[in-house]
Amino acid sequence: MGKLMLMLLLFTTRSFAEPQYRVSIMVDESYPPYTYMINGELNGIYVDLVRQAARLIDSKYQVELVPVPWKRGLADLEHGTAFAIMPPYKHIQKRPYIWPYSVPLLEEVVVAYCNSGFTLKNIEHRDTSETPINLGINAGYLILDDVLTQALAQNKIQVWENKDTYSNVMKLVKGRIDCYLNDRLSTVLVMRNIKRSEPDIDLNGVLEDRVVLRRTAHIGYVKDGLEQYPYKLDFIAQMDEALLKVMASQTPELDIN
């Protein structure tokens, strides 16, 4: 009888010790310094923030961060086969399958980098008879402002999706695209890494052209999905509270050296 009671006690203790739910959040695998892979491990500013927040709620939730190509992650969320993705900007109309969004992680500044002789400044006044400017973006990103969206409709620019920041910077250097649109910090980091690892590549002709927009990054959750993820609303509330605590206690390091 005593042995049976001991086994029941151990089982009960273990049950209370283990999280009730395992939650997977897909993460852009190639967006340094925010989310990226290095030596097979997921790293980055947002990764660190969420991991710290996850430790504050680990009595109930075991959070797994899963690196994925950005465009594939969006497709999984759209098809309802994933719970959440990080770190999208808010696009409520263009991505109706994402709702709600977490509290903001950080504000990012999206800028245009162009080769010498090309500019997106005053693109609204560019003659439609001129050859369109070839503009690179990361696959799956929605970062055109209203002016560039109109320029695209008027064939003043052509948009080319490439895998990631490195791919776009290399195409910019080689003249395969004329300008590139992305978060400033991410682009600067990649260009500095290229200078160190590939010193023969000349980046002097690549210049910051103009600020396009400022947006906050978030965890984005699949819309609806309460039947599949009955813990959704509670998890979002707990994760938001944990993120706010973590961010209030520290300033994220934006070291790009």
Protein backbone atom coordinates (compact mmCIF):
# COMPACT_ATOMS: atom_id res chain seq x y z
CA MET A 1 0.00 0.00 0.00
CA GLY A 2 2.82 2.35 0.91
CA LYS A 3 4.58 1.63 -2.39
CA LEU A 4 1.40 2.42 -4.31
CA MET A 5 0.98 5.72 -2.48
CA LEU A 6 4.60 6.63 -3.25
CA MET A 7 4.09 5.92 -6.96
CA LEU A 8 0.94 8.04 -7.02
CA LEU A 9 2.76 10.86 -5.25
CA LEU A 10 5.63 10.76 -7.73
CA PHE A 11 3.21 10.71 -10.67
CA THR A 12 1.26 13.66 -9.26
CA THR A 13 4.41 15.67 -8.58
CA ARG A 14 5.72 15.01 -12.08
CA SER A 15 2.38 15.98 -13.61
CA PHE A 16 2.42 19.33 -11.83
CA ALA A 17 6.06 19.93 -12.77
CA GLU A 18 5.60 19.43 -16.49
CA PRO A 19 4.11 22.16 -18.72
CA GLN A 20 0.51 21.63 -19.78
CA TYR A 21 1.07 22.71 -23.38
CA ARG A 22 3.84 22.63 -25.95
CA VAL A 23 3.68 25.67 -28.21
CA SER A 24 5.64 26.11 -31.44
CA ILE A 25 6.45 29.53 -32.89
CA MET A 26 7.94 29.64 -36.38
CA VAL A 27 10.85 32.04 -36.74
CA ASP A 28 12.45 33.62 -39.81
CA GLU A 29 15.73 31.72 -40.16
CA SER A 30 17.58 34.44 -42.07
CA TYR A 31 16.95 37.90 -40.64
CA PRO A 32 20.06 38.96 -38.69
CA PRO A 33 20.48 40.45 -36.16
CA TYR A 34 16.88 39.77 -35.14
CA THR A 35 16.39 36.09 -36.02
CA TYR A 36 19.00 33.94 -37.75
CA MET A 37 20.84 30.64 -37.78
CA ILE A 38 24.49 30.29 -36.83
CA ASN A 39 26.24 26.93 -36.51
CA GLY A 40 22.88 25.20 -36.64
CA GLU A 41 21.44 27.22 -33.74
CA LEU A 42 18.70 29.85 -33.79
CA ASN A 43 19.93 33.22 -32.51
CA GLY A 44 18.99 36.88 -32.56
CA ILE A 45 17.61 39.81 -30.61
CA TYR A 46 13.99 38.66 -30.88
CA VAL A 47 14.94 35.06 -30.18
CA ASP A 48 16.60 36.11 -26.92
CA LEU A 49 13.60 38.23 -25.90
CA VAL A 50 11.09 35.46 -26.50
CA ARG A 51 13.23 32.81 -24.83
CA GLN A 52 13.51 34.95 -21.71
CA ALA A 53 9.77 35.58 -21.75
CA ALA A 54 9.09 31.87 -22.26
CA ARG A 55 10.99 31.04 -19.08
CA LEU A 56 8.52 33.20 -17.13
CA ILE A 57 5.57 31.08 -18.28
CA ASP A 58 7.23 27.67 -18.46
CA SER A 59 5.13 26.23 -15.64
CA LYS A 60 2.26 26.06 -18.11
CA TYR A 61 3.81 26.40 -21.57
CA GLN A 62 6.86 24.86 -23.17
CA VAL A 63 7.73 27.19 -26.05
CA GLU A 64 9.66 25.87 -29.05
CA LEU A 65 11.12 28.27 -31.61
CA VAL A 66 11.27 26.64 -35.04
CA PRO A 67 13.48 28.20 -37.75
CA VAL A 68 11.85 28.30 -41.21
CA PRO A 69 12.21 30.17 -44.49
CA TRP A 70 10.01 33.23 -44.09
CA LYS A 71 7.75 32.63 -47.08
CA ARG A 72 7.12 29.01 -46.09
CA GLY A 73 6.27 30.04 -42.56
CA LEU A 74 3.69 32.51 -43.83
CA ALA A 75 2.18 29.82 -46.05
CA ASP A 76 1.88 27.43 -43.10
CA LEU A 77 0.10 30.08 -41.07
CA GLU A 78 -2.21 30.93 -43.96
CA HIS A 79 -3.14 27.25 -44.34
CA GLY A 80 -3.79 26.94 -40.62
CA THR A 81 -1.06 24.37 -40.04
CA ALA A 82 0.96 26.56 -37.67
CA PHE A 83 0.17 28.51 -34.51
CA ALA A 84 2.41 31.56 -34.69
CA ILE A 85 5.24 33.24 -36.58
CA MET A 86 7.94 35.77 -35.71
CA PRO A 87 8.64 38.60 -36.51
CA PRO A 88 6.01 40.04 -38.90
CA TYR A 89 5.01 43.68 -39.19
CA LYS A 90 1.29 44.37 -38.83
CA HIS A 91 -0.49 43.88 -42.15
CA ILE A 92 -4.08 43.33 -41.07
CA GLN A 93 -5.62 43.65 -44.55
CA LYS A 94 -2.84 42.07 -46.59
CA ARG A 95 -2.42 39.13 -44.21
CA PRO A 96 -5.93 38.50 -42.88
CA TYR A 97 -4.89 35.05 -41.67
CA ILE A 98 -2.76 36.60 -38.90
CA TRP A 99 -4.56 37.86 -35.80
CA PRO A 100 -3.85 39.00 -33.21
CA TYR A 101 -0.31 40.32 -32.89
CA SER A 102 1.83 40.38 -29.77
CA VAL A 103 3.01 43.52 -28.06
CA PRO A 104 5.73 45.22 -30.16
CA LEU A 105 9.21 43.73 -29.90
CA LEU A 106 11.14 46.61 -31.48
CA GLU A 107 10.62 49.32 -34.07
CA GLU A 108 12.48 48.67 -37.31
CA VAL A 109 13.44 51.27 -39.91
CA VAL A 110 13.03 50.13 -43.52
CA VAL A 111 15.37 51.93 -45.90
CA ALA A 112 16.31 51.77 -49.56
CA TYR A 113 19.89 51.09 -50.61
CA CYS A 114 20.76 51.89 -54.20
CA ASN A 115 23.70 51.66 -56.54
CA SER A 116 25.27 54.93 -57.65
CA GLY A 117 23.16 56.50 -60.37
CA PHE A 118 19.85 55.13 -59.05
CA THR A 119 17.42 56.60 -56.55
CA LEU A 120 13.93 56.05 -55.24
CA LYS A 121 13.70 59.65 -54.05
CA ASN A 122 10.91 61.49 -55.84
CA ILE A 123 9.99 58.26 -57.63
CA GLU A 124 6.46 59.64 -57.98
CA HIS A 125 7.84 62.21 -60.45
CA ARG A 126 9.80 59.71 -62.52
CA ASP A 127 8.74 59.57 -66.17
CA THR A 128 6.88 56.37 -66.98
CA SER A 129 8.76 56.17 -70.28
CA GLU A 130 12.04 55.55 -68.44
CA THR A 131 13.34 52.04 -67.80
CA PRO A 132 11.88 50.71 -64.52
CA ILE A 133 14.18 50.57 -61.51
CA ASN A 134 14.84 46.98 -60.42
CA LEU A 135 14.07 46.76 -56.71
CA GLY A 136 15.01 43.74 -54.61
CA ILE A 137 13.19 42.63 -51.46
CA ASN A 138 13.34 39.54 -49.26
CA ALA A 139 10.88 36.84 -50.28
CA GLY A 140 7.52 37.21 -48.55
CA TYR A 141 8.18 40.71 -47.21
CA LEU A 142 5.53 43.46 -47.47
CA ILE A 143 7.57 46.65 -47.12
CA LEU A 144 6.53 48.98 -49.93
CA ASP A 145 5.04 52.27 -48.79
CA ASP A 146 2.16 53.93 -50.66
CA VAL A 147 4.51 55.82 -52.97
CA LEU A 148 6.40 52.69 -54.03
CA THR A 149 3.17 50.72 -54.36
CA GLN A 150 1.92 53.35 -56.79
CA ALA A 151 5.26 53.35 -58.61
CA LEU A 152 4.99 49.57 -59.03
CA ALA A 153 1.49 49.92 -60.49
CA GLN A 154 2.83 52.53 -62.93
CA ASN A 155 5.76 50.30 -63.94
CA LYS A 156 8.28 52.80 -62.61
CA ILE A 157 9.81 50.00 -60.56
CA GLN A 158 9.96 46.23 -60.88
CA VAL A 159 10.10 44.19 -57.68
CA TRP A 160 12.23 41.05 -57.45
CA GLU A 161 11.97 38.68 -54.49
CA ASN A 162 15.22 37.05 -53.40
CA LYS A 163 15.94 34.57 -50.63
CA ASP A 164 17.43 36.83 -47.96
CA THR A 165 19.47 39.94 -47.17
CA TYR A 166 22.78 38.44 -48.27
CA SER A 167 21.35 37.37 -51.64
CA ASN A 168 19.93 40.83 -52.24
CA VAL A 169 23.11 42.67 -51.26
CA MET A 170 25.18 40.45 -53.56
CA LYS A 171 22.77 41.06 -56.46
CA LEU A 172 22.96 44.77 -55.73
CA VAL A 173 26.77 44.72 -55.84
CA LYS A 174 26.72 42.75 -59.09
CA GLY A 175 24.24 45.15 -60.68
CA ARG A 176 21.47 42.58 -61.05
CA ILE A 177 19.17 44.87 -59.10
CA ASP A 178 19.39 48.65 -58.81
CA CYS A 179 18.02 49.14 -55.29
CA TYR A 180 17.24 47.01 -52.25
CA LEU A 181 14.63 47.53 -49.56
CA ASN A 182 15.06 46.17 -46.03
CA ASP A 183 15.51 46.96 -42.37
CA ARG A 184 18.52 49.24 -41.93
CA LEU A 185 20.17 47.35 -39.08
CA SER A 186 19.85 43.99 -40.79
CA THR A 187 21.32 45.32 -44.04
CA VAL A 188 24.21 47.13 -42.37
CA LEU A 189 25.12 43.98 -40.44
CA VAL A 190 25.17 41.82 -43.56
CA MET A 191 27.25 44.36 -45.49
CA ARG A 192 29.77 44.54 -42.66
CA ASN A 193 30.01 40.77 -42.58
CA ILE A 194 30.60 40.73 -46.34
CA LYS A 195 33.41 43.27 -45.97
CA ARG A 196 35.09 41.03 -43.41
CA SER A 197 34.58 37.66 -45.08
CA GLU A 198 34.83 38.75 -48.73
CA PRO A 199 37.16 41.79 -48.78
CA ASP A 200 37.48 41.73 -52.58
CA ILE A 201 33.82 42.72 -52.95
CA ASP A 202 33.45 46.50 -53.37
CA LEU A 203 30.47 47.91 -51.48
CA ASN A 204 31.44 51.55 -51.89
CA GLY A 205 28.91 52.05 -54.67
CA VAL A 206 26.01 50.95 -52.46
CA LEU A 207 24.46 53.96 -50.72
CA GLU A 208 21.55 54.46 -48.35
CA ASP A 209 18.96 56.26 -50.45
CA ARG A 210 15.95 57.06 -48.26
CA VAL A 211 13.87 55.92 -45.31
CA VAL A 212 10.76 54.16 -46.61
CA LEU A 213 8.84 53.37 -43.42
CA ARG A 214 9.03 52.54 -39.74
CA ARG A 215 7.26 49.48 -38.41
CA THR A 216 7.15 47.45 -35.20
CA ALA A 217 7.86 43.71 -35.25
CA HIS A 218 5.67 41.19 -33.43
CA ILE A 219 4.75 37.58 -32.89
CA GLY A 220 1.81 37.00 -35.22
CA TYR A 221 -0.78 34.35 -34.36
CA VAL A 222 -3.02 32.32 -36.64
CA LYS A 223 -6.47 33.86 -36.92
CA ASP A 224 -9.24 31.93 -35.16
CA GLY A 225 -7.84 28.44 -34.48
CA LEU A 226 -9.41 28.11 -31.04
CA GLU A 227 -10.57 24.57 -31.73
CA GLN A 228 -7.06 23.48 -32.69
CA TYR A 229 -5.35 25.69 -30.11
CA PRO A 230 -7.75 26.03 -27.14
CA TYR A 231 -4.99 27.68 -25.10
CA LYS A 232 -4.49 30.46 -27.69
CA LEU A 233 -5.98 33.44 -25.85
CA ASP A 234 -4.42 32.53 -22.51
CA PHE A 235 -1.02 31.97 -24.11
CA ILE A 236 -1.12 35.33 -25.90
CA ALA A 237 -2.02 37.14 -22.68
CA GLN A 238 0.71 35.39 -20.70
CA MET A 239 3.35 35.83 -23.41
CA ASP A 240 2.52 39.53 -23.79
CA GLU A 241 2.83 40.06 -20.04
CA ALA A 242 6.12 38.17 -19.96
CA LEU A 243 7.52 40.09 -22.94
CA LEU A 244 6.66 43.41 -21.31
CA LYS A 245 8.43 42.33 -18.12
CA VAL A 246 11.55 41.27 -20.02
CA MET A 247 11.66 44.42 -22.13
CA ALA A 248 11.10 46.64 -19.09
CA SER A 249 14.09 45.09 -17.36
CA GLN A 250 16.60 45.53 -20.15
CA THR A 251 17.46 47.32 -23.36
CA PRO A 252 18.03 44.90 -26.28
CA GLU A 253 21.62 44.95 -27.50
CA LEU A 254 21.79 46.21 -31.06
CA ASP A 255 25.49 45.52 -31.48
CA ILE A 256 26.42 45.15 -35.14
CA ASN A 257 30.18 45.25 -34.73
